[in-house]
């Protein structure tokens, strides 16, 4: 494999959940950090782009975890670009443990975005030239397929968007959406299962001061959940997702 970027991490205490392994939001944070460093490595850092009112916005993605790393464990995140269009790029990711075993895979569709005008723009040619491509895919999954929103829910939580929920692109960070999804999962699942599969779509922006609802339906047959994040009092859907949870200690997903 060529044209990839590796970043090493050692898992820290505050990144653990209550059973001593990395939380799903930690994994998303490390994926985001690796993507940011990949930008920095070609002298196109997110701050350099921001000064031009440009940023990268995640519109859809999938994560599959075989296991979560534990406290002080060292892991390597490998990322690369597998495809470009005029305004979008597919970012692939593989997570390795110290022995070189694959413990997770992820794929994201990112849009090059004008922060002020709130619309996609053409990816700079120089970025495409510096990154090049590796057509290998980390995971075979269609992240462009629509995930239908749900209107009624078995579980419902309400949140208010505050200034700490937004990022440098002036919109709610995708990791915050996952946190809102997790808050609507039943406690019995959080205590006894781990998030094995996440498939999400980011549809529209929630604004500072909005009240948002996290709606969740549970399919007991396969322990899967359907999720919708929407603005309360409107028909505006911000995000949709599907998740699958596996019993802690169950390695059958490998």
C-alpha atoms as a PDB file:
ATOM      1  CA  UNK A   1       0.000   0.000   0.000  1.00  0.00           C
ATOM      2  CA  UNK A   2       1.233   3.509  -0.889  1.00  0.00           C
ATOM      3  CA  UNK A   3       0.138   7.096  -0.201  1.00  0.00           C
ATOM      4  CA  UNK A   4      -1.013   6.473   3.358  1.00  0.00           C
ATOM      5  CA  UNK A   5      -0.394   8.344   6.615  1.00  0.00           C
ATOM      6  CA  UNK A   6       0.201   6.702  10.021  1.00  0.00           C
ATOM      7  CA  UNK A   7      -0.239   8.220  13.467  1.00  0.00           C
ATOM      8  CA  UNK A   8       0.500   6.519  16.787  1.00  0.00           C
ATOM      9  CA  UNK A   9      -1.459   7.030  19.995  1.00  0.00           C
ATOM     10  CA  UNK A  10      -1.166   5.832  23.574  1.00  0.00           C
ATOM     11  CA  UNK A  11      -4.589   5.614  25.196  1.00  0.00           C
ATOM     12  CA  UNK A  12      -5.041   7.918  28.181  1.00  0.00           C
ATOM     13  CA  UNK A  13      -7.096   7.571  31.348  1.00  0.00           C
ATOM     14  CA  UNK A  14      -9.747  10.152  30.481  1.00  0.00           C
ATOM     15  CA  UNK A  15     -10.364   8.406  27.139  1.00  0.00           C
ATOM     16  CA  UNK A  16     -11.565   5.231  28.868  1.00  0.00           C
ATOM     17  CA  UNK A  17     -15.117   4.172  29.659  1.00  0.00           C
ATOM     18  CA  UNK A  18     -16.089   2.646  32.997  1.00  0.00           C
ATOM     19  CA  UNK A  19     -14.837  -0.834  32.027  1.00  0.00           C
ATOM     20  CA  UNK A  20     -11.369   0.483  31.148  1.00  0.00           C
ATOM     21  CA  UNK A  21     -11.424   0.512  27.359  1.00  0.00           C
ATOM     22  CA  UNK A  22     -11.598   3.416  24.934  1.00  0.00           C
ATOM     23  CA  UNK A  23     -15.062   4.859  24.425  1.00  0.00           C
ATOM     24  CA  UNK A  24     -16.626   5.119  20.943  1.00  0.00           C
ATOM     25  CA  UNK A  25     -16.297   8.905  21.107  1.00  0.00           C
ATOM     26  CA  UNK A  26     -12.571   8.459  21.798  1.00  0.00           C
ATOM     27  CA  UNK A  27     -12.216   6.405  18.610  1.00  0.00           C
ATOM     28  CA  UNK A  28     -13.984   9.092  16.575  1.00  0.00           C
ATOM     29  CA  UNK A  29     -11.793  11.754  18.166  1.00  0.00           C
ATOM     30  CA  UNK A  30      -8.616   9.842  17.248  1.00  0.00           C
ATOM     31  CA  UNK A  31      -9.862   9.360  13.685  1.00  0.00           C
ATOM     32  CA  UNK A  32     -10.513  13.093  13.442  1.00  0.00           C
ATOM     33  CA  UNK A  33      -7.103  13.909  14.942  1.00  0.00           C
ATOM     34  CA  UNK A  34      -5.380  11.632  12.423  1.00  0.00           C
ATOM     35  CA  UNK A  35      -7.201  13.281   9.520  1.00  0.00           C
ATOM     36  CA  UNK A  36      -6.183  16.715  10.846  1.00  0.00           C
ATOM     37  CA  UNK A  37      -2.534  15.651  11.109  1.00  0.00           C
ATOM     38  CA  UNK A  38      -2.684  14.226   7.584  1.00  0.00           C
ATOM     39  CA  UNK A  39      -3.728  17.717   6.434  1.00  0.00           C
ATOM     40  CA  UNK A  40      -0.902  19.274   8.451  1.00  0.00           C
ATOM     41  CA  UNK A  41       1.645  16.856   6.950  1.00  0.00           C
ATOM     42  CA  UNK A  42       1.118  18.372   3.486  1.00  0.00           C
ATOM     43  CA  UNK A  43       1.183  21.975   4.779  1.00  0.00           C
ATOM     44  CA  UNK A  44      -2.587  22.329   4.390  1.00  0.00           C
ATOM     45  CA  UNK A  45      -3.545  22.379   8.071  1.00  0.00           C
ATOM     46  CA  UNK A  46      -7.130  22.984   9.129  1.00  0.00           C
ATOM     47  CA  UNK A  47      -6.061  26.366  10.517  1.00  0.00           C
ATOM     48  CA  UNK A  48      -4.406  27.301   7.221  1.00  0.00           C
ATOM     49  CA  UNK A  49      -7.636  26.410   5.435  1.00  0.00           C
ATOM     50  CA  UNK A  50      -9.757  28.278   7.987  1.00  0.00           C
ATOM     51  CA  UNK A  51      -7.862  31.484   7.234  1.00  0.00           C
ATOM     52  CA  UNK A  52      -9.181  31.050   3.684  1.00  0.00           C
ATOM     53  CA  UNK A  53     -12.717  30.375   5.037  1.00  0.00           C
ATOM     54  CA  UNK A  54     -12.403  26.747   3.935  1.00  0.00           C
ATOM     55  CA  UNK A  55     -12.839  23.511   5.884  1.00  0.00           C
ATOM     56  CA  UNK A  56     -13.554  19.806   5.579  1.00  0.00           C
ATOM     57  CA  UNK A  57     -17.035  18.643   6.646  1.00  0.00           C
ATOM     58  CA  UNK A  58     -17.974  15.008   7.266  1.00  0.00           C
ATOM     59  CA  UNK A  59     -21.263  14.109   5.558  1.00  0.00           C
ATOM     60  CA  UNK A  60     -21.373  10.342   6.095  1.00  0.00           C
ATOM     61  CA  UNK A  61     -19.315   7.563   7.602  1.00  0.00           C
ATOM     62  CA  UNK A  62     -19.066   4.068   8.974  1.00  0.00           C
ATOM     63  CA  UNK A  63     -17.002   2.568  11.801  1.00  0.00           C
ATOM     64  CA  UNK A  64     -16.585  -1.119  12.668  1.00  0.00           C
ATOM     65  CA  UNK A  65     -14.697  -2.107  15.820  1.00  0.00           C
ATOM     66  CA  UNK A  66     -13.454  -5.643  16.494  1.00  0.00           C
ATOM     67  CA  UNK A  67     -12.321  -4.580  19.949  1.00  0.00           C
ATOM     68  CA  UNK A  68     -11.578  -1.348  21.813  1.00  0.00           C
ATOM     69  CA  UNK A  69      -8.043  -0.570  23.034  1.00  0.00           C
ATOM     70  CA  UNK A  70      -7.374  -0.432  26.772  1.00  0.00           C
ATOM     71  CA  UNK A  71      -5.632   2.078  29.047  1.00  0.00           C
ATOM     72  CA  UNK A  72      -1.991   2.754  28.060  1.00  0.00           C
ATOM     73  CA  UNK A  73      -2.296   0.535  24.991  1.00  0.00           C
ATOM     74  CA  UNK A  74      -0.469   1.849  21.929  1.00  0.00           C
ATOM     75  CA  UNK A  75      -2.304   1.842  18.617  1.00  0.00           C
ATOM     76  CA  UNK A  76      -1.625   3.049  15.072  1.00  0.00           C
ATOM     77  CA  UNK A  77      -4.221   4.729  12.894  1.00  0.00           C
ATOM     78  CA  UNK A  78      -3.569   4.471   9.165  1.00  0.00           C
ATOM     79  CA  UNK A  79      -5.479   6.795   6.847  1.00  0.00           C
ATOM     80  CA  UNK A  80      -5.536   7.501   3.130  1.00  0.00           C
ATOM     81  CA  UNK A  81      -7.730   8.917   0.370  1.00  0.00           C
ATOM     82  CA  UNK A  82      -9.271   6.313  -1.913  1.00  0.00           C
ATOM     83  CA  UNK A  83     -11.291   8.518  -4.246  1.00  0.00           C
ATOM     84  CA  UNK A  84     -11.979  12.153  -5.140  1.00  0.00           C
ATOM     85  CA  UNK A  85     -14.794  13.937  -6.900  1.00  0.00           C
ATOM     86  CA  UNK A  86     -14.971  17.666  -7.660  1.00  0.00           C
ATOM     87  CA  UNK A  87     -15.910  18.602  -4.066  1.00  0.00           C
ATOM     88  CA  UNK A  88     -15.658  15.359  -2.051  1.00  0.00           C
ATOM     89  CA  UNK A  89     -13.127  12.780  -0.943  1.00  0.00           C
ATOM     90  CA  UNK A  90     -13.376   9.308   0.591  1.00  0.00           C
ATOM     91  CA  UNK A  91     -11.091   8.885   3.611  1.00  0.00           C
ATOM     92  CA  UNK A  92     -10.231   5.307   4.623  1.00  0.00           C
ATOM     93  CA  UNK A  93      -8.940   4.260   8.047  1.00  0.00           C
ATOM     94  CA  UNK A  94      -7.554   1.108   9.657  1.00  0.00           C
ATOM     95  CA  UNK A  95      -6.723   0.828  13.372  1.00  0.00           C
ATOM     96  CA  UNK A  96      -3.862  -1.500  14.390  1.00  0.00           C
ATOM     97  CA  UNK A  97      -2.716  -2.703  17.804  1.00  0.00           C
ATOM     98  CA  UNK A  98       0.974  -3.013  18.758  1.00  0.00           C
ATOM     99  CA  UNK A  99       1.149  -6.522  17.268  1.00  0.00           C
ATOM    100  CA  UNK A 100      -0.151  -5.302  13.915  1.00  0.00           C
ATOM    101  CA  UNK A 101      -3.605  -6.819  14.363  1.00  0.00           C
ATOM    102  CA  UNK A 102      -6.516  -4.890  12.887  1.00  0.00           C
ATOM    103  CA  UNK A 103      -8.893  -3.844  15.669  1.00  0.00           C
ATOM    104  CA  UNK A 104     -11.059  -1.392  13.735  1.00  0.00           C
ATOM    105  CA  UNK A 105     -11.962   0.004  10.325  1.00  0.00           C
ATOM    106  CA  UNK A 106     -13.631   3.241   9.246  1.00  0.00           C
ATOM    107  CA  UNK A 107     -14.574   5.179   6.143  1.00  0.00           C
ATOM    108  CA  UNK A 108     -15.777   8.767   5.801  1.00  0.00           C
ATOM    109  CA  UNK A 109     -17.052  10.969   2.997  1.00  0.00           C
ATOM    110  CA  UNK A 110     -15.716  14.502   3.440  1.00  0.00           C
ATOM    111  CA  UNK A 111     -16.813  17.646   1.583  1.00  0.00           C
ATOM    112  CA  UNK A 112     -14.543  20.637   0.925  1.00  0.00           C
ATOM    113  CA  UNK A 113     -16.585  23.515   2.291  1.00  0.00           C
ATOM    114  CA  UNK A 114     -16.814  27.318   2.243  1.00  0.00           C
ATOM    115  CA  UNK A 115     -17.360  28.153   5.924  1.00  0.00           C
ATOM    116  CA  UNK A 116     -18.826  31.617   5.379  1.00  0.00           C
ATOM    117  CA  UNK A 117     -21.084  30.848   2.421  1.00  0.00           C
ATOM    118  CA  UNK A 118     -22.028  27.415   3.874  1.00  0.00           C
ATOM    119  CA  UNK A 119     -21.653  25.515   0.620  1.00  0.00           C
ATOM    120  CA  UNK A 120     -19.236  23.048  -1.026  1.00  0.00           C
ATOM    121  CA  UNK A 121     -16.363  24.293  -3.164  1.00  0.00           C
ATOM    122  CA  UNK A 122     -13.853  22.678  -5.516  1.00  0.00           C
ATOM    123  CA  UNK A 123     -11.007  20.815  -3.792  1.00  0.00           C
ATOM    124  CA  UNK A 124      -7.722  22.609  -4.429  1.00  0.00           C
ATOM    125  CA  UNK A 125      -5.667  20.825  -7.091  1.00  0.00           C
ATOM    126  CA  UNK A 126      -2.542  21.146  -4.961  1.00  0.00           C
ATOM    127  CA  UNK A 127      -4.193  19.109  -2.174  1.00  0.00           C
ATOM    128  CA  UNK A 128      -5.049  16.299  -4.581  1.00  0.00           C
ATOM    129  CA  UNK A 129      -1.489  16.306  -5.908  1.00  0.00           C
ATOM    130  CA  UNK A 130       0.104  16.200  -2.441  1.00  0.00           C
ATOM    131  CA  UNK A 131      -2.142  13.438  -1.092  1.00  0.00           C
ATOM    132  CA  UNK A 132      -2.439  11.335  -4.246  1.00  0.00           C
ATOM    133  CA  UNK A 133      -4.637   8.248  -3.958  1.00  0.00           C
ATOM    134  CA  UNK A 134      -4.642   4.655  -2.829  1.00  0.00           C
ATOM    135  CA  UNK A 135      -7.701   2.911  -4.258  1.00  0.00           C
ATOM    136  CA  UNK A 136      -7.724   0.170  -1.604  1.00  0.00           C
ATOM    137  CA  UNK A 137     -10.785   0.355   0.662  1.00  0.00           C
ATOM    138  CA  UNK A 138     -10.631  -0.153   4.419  1.00  0.00           C
ATOM    139  CA  UNK A 139     -14.206  -1.430   4.601  1.00  0.00           C
ATOM    140  CA  UNK A 140     -16.733  -2.303   1.902  1.00  0.00           C
ATOM    141  CA  UNK A 141     -19.867  -0.354   2.756  1.00  0.00           C
ATOM    142  CA  UNK A 142     -22.033   2.135   0.857  1.00  0.00           C
ATOM    143  CA  UNK A 143     -21.906   5.322   2.928  1.00  0.00           C
ATOM    144  CA  UNK A 144     -23.939   7.254   0.345  1.00  0.00           C
ATOM    145  CA  UNK A 145     -27.092   5.178   0.880  1.00  0.00           C
ATOM    146  CA  UNK A 146     -29.808   7.137   2.668  1.00  0.00           C
ATOM    147  CA  UNK A 147     -30.668   6.194   6.260  1.00  0.00           C
ATOM    148  CA  UNK A 148     -34.334   7.026   6.757  1.00  0.00           C
ATOM    149  CA  UNK A 149     -35.215   9.142   9.806  1.00  0.00           C
ATOM    150  CA  UNK A 150     -37.598   7.830  12.438  1.00  0.00           C
ATOM    151  CA  UNK A 151     -40.610   9.836  13.633  1.00  0.00           C
ATOM    152  CA  UNK A 152     -41.451   7.943  16.813  1.00  0.00           C
ATOM    153  CA  UNK A 153     -39.053   6.462  19.340  1.00  0.00           C
ATOM    154  CA  UNK A 154     -38.745   3.920  22.145  1.00  0.00           C
ATOM    155  CA  UNK A 155     -36.162   6.200  23.769  1.00  0.00           C
ATOM    156  CA  UNK A 156     -35.927   9.973  23.659  1.00  0.00           C
ATOM    157  CA  UNK A 157     -33.473  12.527  25.023  1.00  0.00           C
ATOM    158  CA  UNK A 158     -33.394  16.316  24.668  1.00  0.00           C
ATOM    159  CA  UNK A 159     -30.295  18.511  24.485  1.00  0.00           C
ATOM    160  CA  UNK A 160     -29.546  22.181  23.953  1.00  0.00           C
ATOM    161  CA  UNK A 161     -26.809  23.226  21.531  1.00  0.00           C
ATOM    162  CA  UNK A 162     -24.277  25.404  23.349  1.00  0.00           C
ATOM    163  CA  UNK A 163     -21.050  27.062  22.239  1.00  0.00           C
ATOM    164  CA  UNK A 164     -18.944  24.070  23.309  1.00  0.00           C
ATOM    165  CA  UNK A 165     -20.823  21.816  20.889  1.00  0.00           C
ATOM    166  CA  UNK A 166     -19.590  23.702  17.814  1.00  0.00           C
ATOM    167  CA  UNK A 167     -16.238  23.447  16.039  1.00  0.00           C
ATOM    168  CA  UNK A 168     -14.016  25.667  13.900  1.00  0.00           C
ATOM    169  CA  UNK A 169     -16.423  25.247  10.968  1.00  0.00           C
ATOM    170  CA  UNK A 170     -19.107  26.904  13.141  1.00  0.00           C
ATOM    171  CA  UNK A 171     -21.362  23.860  13.225  1.00  0.00           C
ATOM    172  CA  UNK A 172     -22.046  21.041  15.661  1.00  0.00           C
ATOM    173  CA  UNK A 173     -19.111  18.626  15.643  1.00  0.00           C
ATOM    174  CA  UNK A 174     -19.890  15.101  14.425  1.00  0.00           C
ATOM    175  CA  UNK A 175     -18.552  13.632  17.672  1.00  0.00           C
ATOM    176  CA  UNK A 176     -21.234  15.532  19.599  1.00  0.00           C
ATOM    177  CA  UNK A 177     -23.907  13.796  17.510  1.00  0.00           C
ATOM    178  CA  UNK A 178     -22.500  10.424  18.567  1.00  0.00           C
ATOM    179  CA  UNK A 179     -22.604  11.518  22.201  1.00  0.00           C
ATOM    180  CA  UNK A 180     -26.257  12.483  21.806  1.00  0.00           C
ATOM    181  CA  UNK A 181     -26.971   9.095  20.209  1.00  0.00           C
ATOM    182  CA  UNK A 182     -25.201   7.277  23.050  1.00  0.00           C
ATOM    183  CA  UNK A 183     -27.236   9.136  25.662  1.00  0.00           C
ATOM    184  CA  UNK A 184     -30.454   7.695  24.223  1.00  0.00           C
ATOM    185  CA  UNK A 185     -29.218   4.075  24.352  1.00  0.00           C
ATOM    186  CA  UNK A 186     -30.731   2.033  27.238  1.00  0.00           C
ATOM    187  CA  UNK A 187     -28.448   1.708  30.262  1.00  0.00           C
ATOM    188  CA  UNK A 188     -28.587  -2.102  30.134  1.00  0.00           C
ATOM    189  CA  UNK A 189     -26.959  -1.958  26.686  1.00  0.00           C
ATOM    190  CA  UNK A 190     -24.279   0.538  27.715  1.00  0.00           C
ATOM    191  CA  UNK A 191     -23.383  -1.606  30.751  1.00  0.00           C
ATOM    192  CA  UNK A 192     -23.216  -5.005  29.026  1.00  0.00           C
ATOM    193  CA  UNK A 193     -22.517  -4.407  25.339  1.00  0.00           C
ATOM    194  CA  UNK A 194     -20.047  -2.526  23.149  1.00  0.00           C
ATOM    195  CA  UNK A 195     -20.684  -0.493  20.012  1.00  0.00           C
ATOM    196  CA  UNK A 196     -19.521  -2.765  17.206  1.00  0.00           C
ATOM    197  CA  UNK A 197     -20.916  -0.950  14.163  1.00  0.00           C
ATOM    198  CA  UNK A 198     -21.893   2.663  13.481  1.00  0.00           C
ATOM    199  CA  UNK A 199     -23.267   3.965  10.185  1.00  0.00           C
ATOM    200  CA  UNK A 200     -24.175   7.660  10.134  1.00  0.00           C
ATOM    201  CA  UNK A 201     -25.368  10.472   7.869  1.00  0.00           C
ATOM    202  CA  UNK A 202     -25.089  14.196   8.575  1.00  0.00           C
ATOM    203  CA  UNK A 203     -27.942  15.986   6.854  1.00  0.00           C
ATOM    204  CA  UNK A 204     -28.356  19.548   8.128  1.00  0.00           C
ATOM    205  CA  UNK A 205     -26.882  21.847  10.735  1.00  0.00           C
ATOM    206  CA  UNK A 206     -28.151  22.430  14.243  1.00  0.00           C
ATOM    207  CA  UNK A 207     -27.608  26.011  15.355  1.00  0.00           C
ATOM    208  CA  UNK A 208     -26.352  27.486  18.598  1.00  0.00           C
ATOM    209  CA  UNK A 209     -29.307  27.658  21.004  1.00  0.00           C
ATOM    210  CA  UNK A 210     -31.373  24.970  19.249  1.00  0.00           C
ATOM    211  CA  UNK A 211     -33.106  22.301  21.301  1.00  0.00           C
ATOM    212  CA  UNK A 212     -32.412  18.940  19.661  1.00  0.00           C
ATOM    213  CA  UNK A 213     -34.042  15.561  20.184  1.00  0.00           C
ATOM    214  CA  UNK A 214     -32.226  12.222  20.059  1.00  0.00           C
ATOM    215  CA  UNK A 215     -34.717   9.530  19.003  1.00  0.00           C
ATOM    216  CA  UNK A 216     -33.834   5.832  19.211  1.00  0.00           C
ATOM    217  CA  UNK A 217     -35.659   2.628  18.295  1.00  0.00           C
ATOM    218  CA  UNK A 218     -34.408  -0.792  19.429  1.00  0.00           C
ATOM    219  CA  UNK A 219     -34.564  -3.954  17.314  1.00  0.00           C
ATOM    220  CA  UNK A 220     -34.228  -6.624  20.004  1.00  0.00           C
ATOM    221  CA  UNK A 221     -33.684  -9.416  17.468  1.00  0.00           C
ATOM    222  CA  UNK A 222     -30.138  -8.383  16.493  1.00  0.00           C
ATOM    223  CA  UNK A 223     -29.479  -5.661  19.084  1.00  0.00           C
ATOM    224  CA  UNK A 224     -29.489  -2.960  16.436  1.00  0.00           C
ATOM    225  CA  UNK A 225     -30.765   0.571  16.870  1.00  0.00           C
ATOM    226  CA  UNK A 226     -32.103   3.259  14.549  1.00  0.00           C
ATOM    227  CA  UNK A 227     -31.333   6.853  15.483  1.00  0.00           C
ATOM    228  CA  UNK A 228     -32.438  10.320  14.436  1.00  0.00           C
ATOM    229  CA  UNK A 229     -31.236  13.696  15.678  1.00  0.00           C
ATOM    230  CA  UNK A 230     -33.709  16.480  14.898  1.00  0.00           C
ATOM    231  CA  UNK A 231     -34.454  20.041  15.953  1.00  0.00           C
ATOM    232  CA  UNK A 232     -37.319  20.147  18.407  1.00  0.00           C
ATOM    233  CA  UNK A 233     -40.490  21.817  17.182  1.00  0.00           C
ATOM    234  CA  UNK A 234     -39.590  21.453  13.511  1.00  0.00           C
ATOM    235  CA  UNK A 235     -39.247  18.845  10.785  1.00  0.00           C
ATOM    236  CA  UNK A 236     -35.512  19.552  10.453  1.00  0.00           C
ATOM    237  CA  UNK A 237     -33.447  16.348  10.637  1.00  0.00           C
ATOM    238  CA  UNK A 238     -29.787  16.902  11.487  1.00  0.00           C
ATOM    239  CA  UNK A 239     -28.468  13.329  11.435  1.00  0.00           C
ATOM    240  CA  UNK A 240     -29.522   9.699  11.113  1.00  0.00           C
ATOM    241  CA  UNK A 241     -27.645   6.562  12.109  1.00  0.00           C
ATOM    242  CA  UNK A 242     -27.788   2.816  12.604  1.00  0.00           C
ATOM    243  CA  UNK A 243     -25.817   1.078  15.350  1.00  0.00           C
ATOM    244  CA  UNK A 244     -25.192  -2.562  16.268  1.00  0.00           C
ATOM    245  CA  UNK A 245     -24.109  -3.617  19.753  1.00  0.00           C
ATOM    246  CA  UNK A 246     -22.345  -6.846  20.739  1.00  0.00           C
ATOM    247  CA  UNK A 247     -22.166  -8.533  24.124  1.00  0.00           C
ATOM    248  CA  UNK A 248     -18.911  -7.701  25.928  1.00  0.00           C
ATOM    249  CA  UNK A 249     -16.596 -10.695  25.451  1.00  0.00           C
ATOM    250  CA  UNK A 250     -18.287 -11.772  22.201  1.00  0.00           C
ATOM    251  CA  UNK A 251     -15.630 -12.065  19.462  1.00  0.00           C
ATOM    252  CA  UNK A 252     -17.962 -13.513  16.828  1.00  0.00           C
ATOM    253  CA  UNK A 253     -17.846 -10.272  14.798  1.00  0.00           C
ATOM    254  CA  UNK A 254     -14.301 -11.075  13.656  1.00  0.00           C
END
